[in-house]
């Protein structure tokens, strides 16, 4: 017998947990996707590849700002990518505190190969979104904007 999904039962109150669960599921499936096609990647690394394809060289803080991630998260991702040989890191000549990164020659070569896989993954995700039948991305953007603009904390006083 199927057990009722506890988080779904909680409704909007469980959104944080459901986003976390969905993120974990997509991460797990991303790992399997790369494993199945023999690519030595972590699911979130495509973000850094894409930024560096566009900007060539970027500071860790700039990457974190562009993605809205915390600096230590990006630092950890970059360190792992350096160990795999995909990135090179160096100090900023004008500000020695800044660590800059760029794709290594190996990273540039592999990026072209990875882009083919990323395009297929994008098509798969577009198909899933299409099956939902709603403008999921636009609604997600609106939700994210609402949380950023007013948030839950600032709205709490309206419900007292």
C-alpha atoms as a PDB file:
ATOM      1  CA  UNK A   1       0.000   0.000   0.000  1.00  0.00           C
ATOM      2  CA  UNK A   2       1.331   3.447  -0.933  1.00  0.00           C
ATOM      3  CA  UNK A   3       1.927   5.701   2.011  1.00  0.00           C
ATOM      4  CA  UNK A   4       0.747   9.300   1.707  1.00  0.00           C
ATOM      5  CA  UNK A   5       3.589  11.731   1.000  1.00  0.00           C
ATOM      6  CA  UNK A   6       4.024  13.577   4.284  1.00  0.00           C
ATOM      7  CA  UNK A   7       5.578  16.675   2.722  1.00  0.00           C
ATOM      8  CA  UNK A   8       2.803  17.004   0.149  1.00  0.00           C
ATOM      9  CA  UNK A   9       0.266  16.656   2.944  1.00  0.00           C
ATOM     10  CA  UNK A  10       1.812  19.678   4.697  1.00  0.00           C
ATOM     11  CA  UNK A  11       1.112  21.905   1.704  1.00  0.00           C
ATOM     12  CA  UNK A  12       2.934  25.242   1.336  1.00  0.00           C
ATOM     13  CA  UNK A  13       4.501  24.923   4.789  1.00  0.00           C
ATOM     14  CA  UNK A  14       6.760  22.169   3.441  1.00  0.00           C
ATOM     15  CA  UNK A  15       8.065  24.047   0.379  1.00  0.00           C
ATOM     16  CA  UNK A  16      11.582  24.374   1.780  1.00  0.00           C
ATOM     17  CA  UNK A  17      11.768  20.636   2.448  1.00  0.00           C
ATOM     18  CA  UNK A  18      10.258  19.785  -0.940  1.00  0.00           C
ATOM     19  CA  UNK A  19      12.755  21.997  -2.768  1.00  0.00           C
ATOM     20  CA  UNK A  20      15.525  20.284  -0.796  1.00  0.00           C
ATOM     21  CA  UNK A  21      14.154  16.850  -1.640  1.00  0.00           C
ATOM     22  CA  UNK A  22      13.833  17.755  -5.315  1.00  0.00           C
ATOM     23  CA  UNK A  23      17.376  19.161  -5.315  1.00  0.00           C
ATOM     24  CA  UNK A  24      18.708  15.962  -3.734  1.00  0.00           C
ATOM     25  CA  UNK A  25      16.841  13.841  -6.286  1.00  0.00           C
ATOM     26  CA  UNK A  26      18.105  15.881  -9.230  1.00  0.00           C
ATOM     27  CA  UNK A  27      21.638  15.759  -7.832  1.00  0.00           C
ATOM     28  CA  UNK A  28      21.453  11.972  -7.482  1.00  0.00           C
ATOM     29  CA  UNK A  29      20.083  11.611 -11.011  1.00  0.00           C
ATOM     30  CA  UNK A  30      22.730  14.029 -12.302  1.00  0.00           C
ATOM     31  CA  UNK A  31      25.464  11.842 -10.827  1.00  0.00           C
ATOM     32  CA  UNK A  32      23.912   8.799 -12.513  1.00  0.00           C
ATOM     33  CA  UNK A  33      23.543  10.670 -15.820  1.00  0.00           C
ATOM     34  CA  UNK A  34      27.251  11.537 -15.877  1.00  0.00           C
ATOM     35  CA  UNK A  35      28.242   8.052 -14.765  1.00  0.00           C
ATOM     36  CA  UNK A  36      26.167   6.483 -17.548  1.00  0.00           C
ATOM     37  CA  UNK A  37      27.929   8.558 -20.200  1.00  0.00           C
ATOM     38  CA  UNK A  38      31.395   8.164 -18.626  1.00  0.00           C
ATOM     39  CA  UNK A  39      31.897  11.817 -17.721  1.00  0.00           C
ATOM     40  CA  UNK A  40      33.905  12.711 -14.628  1.00  0.00           C
ATOM     41  CA  UNK A  41      31.737  15.593 -13.426  1.00  0.00           C
ATOM     42  CA  UNK A  42      29.648  16.722 -10.502  1.00  0.00           C
ATOM     43  CA  UNK A  43      26.091  17.829 -11.379  1.00  0.00           C
ATOM     44  CA  UNK A  44      26.590  21.482 -10.396  1.00  0.00           C
ATOM     45  CA  UNK A  45      29.904  22.044 -12.190  1.00  0.00           C
ATOM     46  CA  UNK A  46      28.206  22.969 -15.461  1.00  0.00           C
ATOM     47  CA  UNK A  47      27.376  26.344 -13.911  1.00  0.00           C
ATOM     48  CA  UNK A  48      31.040  27.235 -13.475  1.00  0.00           C
ATOM     49  CA  UNK A  49      31.930  25.892 -16.906  1.00  0.00           C
ATOM     50  CA  UNK A  50      29.247  28.088 -18.478  1.00  0.00           C
ATOM     51  CA  UNK A  51      30.294  31.222 -16.604  1.00  0.00           C
ATOM     52  CA  UNK A  52      33.937  30.697 -17.565  1.00  0.00           C
ATOM     53  CA  UNK A  53      33.028  29.943 -21.183  1.00  0.00           C
ATOM     54  CA  UNK A  54      31.361  33.344 -21.272  1.00  0.00           C
ATOM     55  CA  UNK A  55      33.779  35.387 -19.142  1.00  0.00           C
ATOM     56  CA  UNK A  56      37.056  33.440 -19.495  1.00  0.00           C
ATOM     57  CA  UNK A  57      38.421  34.582 -16.113  1.00  0.00           C
ATOM     58  CA  UNK A  58      36.365  35.274 -13.037  1.00  0.00           C
ATOM     59  CA  UNK A  59      36.872  35.799  -9.309  1.00  0.00           C
ATOM     60  CA  UNK A  60      35.358  33.283  -6.915  1.00  0.00           C
ATOM     61  CA  UNK A  61      33.285  36.050  -5.327  1.00  0.00           C
ATOM     62  CA  UNK A  62      31.939  37.103  -8.729  1.00  0.00           C
ATOM     63  CA  UNK A  63      30.870  33.530  -9.498  1.00  0.00           C
ATOM     64  CA  UNK A  64      29.177  33.283  -6.098  1.00  0.00           C
ATOM     65  CA  UNK A  65      27.375  36.586  -6.701  1.00  0.00           C
ATOM     66  CA  UNK A  66      26.230  35.587 -10.193  1.00  0.00           C
ATOM     67  CA  UNK A  67      24.812  32.295  -8.955  1.00  0.00           C
ATOM     68  CA  UNK A  68      23.525  33.553  -5.617  1.00  0.00           C
ATOM     69  CA  UNK A  69      25.539  30.840  -3.845  1.00  0.00           C
ATOM     70  CA  UNK A  70      27.693  31.247  -0.768  1.00  0.00           C
ATOM     71  CA  UNK A  71      31.400  31.862  -1.301  1.00  0.00           C
ATOM     72  CA  UNK A  72      32.492  28.633   0.498  1.00  0.00           C
ATOM     73  CA  UNK A  73      30.213  26.576  -1.780  1.00  0.00           C
ATOM     74  CA  UNK A  74      31.845  27.993  -4.912  1.00  0.00           C
ATOM     75  CA  UNK A  75      35.315  27.658  -3.360  1.00  0.00           C
ATOM     76  CA  UNK A  76      34.690  23.966  -2.707  1.00  0.00           C
ATOM     77  CA  UNK A  77      33.385  23.364  -6.240  1.00  0.00           C
ATOM     78  CA  UNK A  78      36.341  25.208  -7.767  1.00  0.00           C
ATOM     79  CA  UNK A  79      38.866  23.297  -5.650  1.00  0.00           C
ATOM     80  CA  UNK A  80      37.414  19.984  -6.839  1.00  0.00           C
ATOM     81  CA  UNK A  81      37.430  21.164 -10.452  1.00  0.00           C
ATOM     82  CA  UNK A  82      41.080  22.241 -10.125  1.00  0.00           C
ATOM     83  CA  UNK A  83      41.973  18.772  -8.803  1.00  0.00           C
ATOM     84  CA  UNK A  84      40.324  17.239 -11.879  1.00  0.00           C
ATOM     85  CA  UNK A  85      42.348  19.560 -14.106  1.00  0.00           C
ATOM     86  CA  UNK A  86      39.372  21.504 -15.479  1.00  0.00           C
ATOM     87  CA  UNK A  87      40.335  24.874 -13.968  1.00  0.00           C
ATOM     88  CA  UNK A  88      43.389  26.967 -13.217  1.00  0.00           C
ATOM     89  CA  UNK A  89      43.528  29.407 -10.320  1.00  0.00           C
ATOM     90  CA  UNK A  90      45.731  32.425  -9.772  1.00  0.00           C
ATOM     91  CA  UNK A  91      45.854  35.598  -7.688  1.00  0.00           C
ATOM     92  CA  UNK A  92      44.485  38.863  -9.038  1.00  0.00           C
ATOM     93  CA  UNK A  93      47.407  41.162  -9.920  1.00  0.00           C
ATOM     94  CA  UNK A  94      45.636  44.257  -8.564  1.00  0.00           C
ATOM     95  CA  UNK A  95      44.147  42.614  -5.452  1.00  0.00           C
ATOM     96  CA  UNK A  96      46.139  39.691  -4.095  1.00  0.00           C
ATOM     97  CA  UNK A  97      43.244  38.632  -1.873  1.00  0.00           C
ATOM     98  CA  UNK A  98      41.134  37.715  -4.884  1.00  0.00           C
ATOM     99  CA  UNK A  99      41.425  34.267  -6.382  1.00  0.00           C
ATOM    100  CA  UNK A 100      40.690  34.183 -10.085  1.00  0.00           C
ATOM    101  CA  UNK A 101      39.836  31.062 -12.049  1.00  0.00           C
ATOM    102  CA  UNK A 102      39.687  30.144 -15.703  1.00  0.00           C
ATOM    103  CA  UNK A 103      39.252  26.986 -17.720  1.00  0.00           C
ATOM    104  CA  UNK A 104      42.496  25.108 -18.247  1.00  0.00           C
ATOM    105  CA  UNK A 105      43.338  23.892 -21.750  1.00  0.00           C
ATOM    106  CA  UNK A 106      42.057  20.479 -20.663  1.00  0.00           C
ATOM    107  CA  UNK A 107      38.880  22.127 -19.303  1.00  0.00           C
ATOM    108  CA  UNK A 108      38.293  23.980 -22.578  1.00  0.00           C
ATOM    109  CA  UNK A 109      38.696  20.754 -24.532  1.00  0.00           C
ATOM    110  CA  UNK A 110      36.380  18.780 -22.238  1.00  0.00           C
ATOM    111  CA  UNK A 111      33.842  21.606 -22.142  1.00  0.00           C
ATOM    112  CA  UNK A 112      33.074  21.093 -25.821  1.00  0.00           C
ATOM    113  CA  UNK A 113      32.391  17.419 -25.112  1.00  0.00           C
ATOM    114  CA  UNK A 114      30.314  18.234 -22.024  1.00  0.00           C
ATOM    115  CA  UNK A 115      28.191  20.745 -23.947  1.00  0.00           C
ATOM    116  CA  UNK A 116      26.738  17.916 -26.040  1.00  0.00           C
ATOM    117  CA  UNK A 117      25.610  16.112 -22.889  1.00  0.00           C
ATOM    118  CA  UNK A 118      24.289  19.345 -21.354  1.00  0.00           C
ATOM    119  CA  UNK A 119      22.189  20.021 -24.444  1.00  0.00           C
ATOM    120  CA  UNK A 120      20.627  16.560 -24.142  1.00  0.00           C
ATOM    121  CA  UNK A 121      19.948  17.147 -20.428  1.00  0.00           C
ATOM    122  CA  UNK A 122      18.360  20.493 -21.279  1.00  0.00           C
ATOM    123  CA  UNK A 123      16.055  18.821 -23.812  1.00  0.00           C
ATOM    124  CA  UNK A 124      15.054  16.208 -21.230  1.00  0.00           C
ATOM    125  CA  UNK A 125      14.234  18.914 -18.677  1.00  0.00           C
ATOM    126  CA  UNK A 126      12.295  20.921 -21.271  1.00  0.00           C
ATOM    127  CA  UNK A 127      10.265  17.805 -22.037  1.00  0.00           C
ATOM    128  CA  UNK A 128       9.480  17.277 -18.347  1.00  0.00           C
ATOM    129  CA  UNK A 129       8.472  20.927 -17.964  1.00  0.00           C
ATOM    130  CA  UNK A 130       6.315  20.713 -21.100  1.00  0.00           C
ATOM    131  CA  UNK A 131       4.484  17.689 -19.631  1.00  0.00           C
ATOM    132  CA  UNK A 132       3.586  19.751 -16.566  1.00  0.00           C
ATOM    133  CA  UNK A 133       1.575  21.970 -18.879  1.00  0.00           C
ATOM    134  CA  UNK A 134       2.274  25.218 -17.077  1.00  0.00           C
ATOM    135  CA  UNK A 135       4.862  27.943 -17.378  1.00  0.00           C
ATOM    136  CA  UNK A 136       6.858  26.327 -14.595  1.00  0.00           C
ATOM    137  CA  UNK A 137      10.035  28.374 -15.042  1.00  0.00           C
ATOM    138  CA  UNK A 138       8.132  31.672 -15.074  1.00  0.00           C
ATOM    139  CA  UNK A 139       6.197  30.684 -11.942  1.00  0.00           C
ATOM    140  CA  UNK A 140       9.422  29.602 -10.242  1.00  0.00           C
ATOM    141  CA  UNK A 141      10.989  32.965 -11.173  1.00  0.00           C
ATOM    142  CA  UNK A 142       7.988  34.797  -9.722  1.00  0.00           C
ATOM    143  CA  UNK A 143       8.118  32.740  -6.531  1.00  0.00           C
ATOM    144  CA  UNK A 144      11.841  33.375  -6.125  1.00  0.00           C
ATOM    145  CA  UNK A 145      11.329  37.120  -6.724  1.00  0.00           C
ATOM    146  CA  UNK A 146       8.542  37.260  -4.105  1.00  0.00           C
ATOM    147  CA  UNK A 147      10.703  35.534  -1.510  1.00  0.00           C
ATOM    148  CA  UNK A 148      13.629  37.858  -2.253  1.00  0.00           C
ATOM    149  CA  UNK A 149      11.546  41.047  -2.240  1.00  0.00           C
ATOM    150  CA  UNK A 150       9.426  40.538   0.825  1.00  0.00           C
ATOM    151  CA  UNK A 151      10.436  37.250   2.218  1.00  0.00           C
ATOM    152  CA  UNK A 152       8.674  35.401   4.943  1.00  0.00           C
ATOM    153  CA  UNK A 153      10.245  37.243   7.861  1.00  0.00           C
ATOM    154  CA  UNK A 154       9.139  40.726   6.752  1.00  0.00           C
ATOM    155  CA  UNK A 155       5.582  39.500   6.055  1.00  0.00           C
ATOM    156  CA  UNK A 156       5.206  37.764   9.401  1.00  0.00           C
ATOM    157  CA  UNK A 157       3.908  40.907  11.128  1.00  0.00           C
ATOM    158  CA  UNK A 158       0.956  41.011   8.683  1.00  0.00           C
ATOM    159  CA  UNK A 159      -0.312  37.739  10.157  1.00  0.00           C
ATOM    160  CA  UNK A 160      -0.285  38.687  13.835  1.00  0.00           C
END
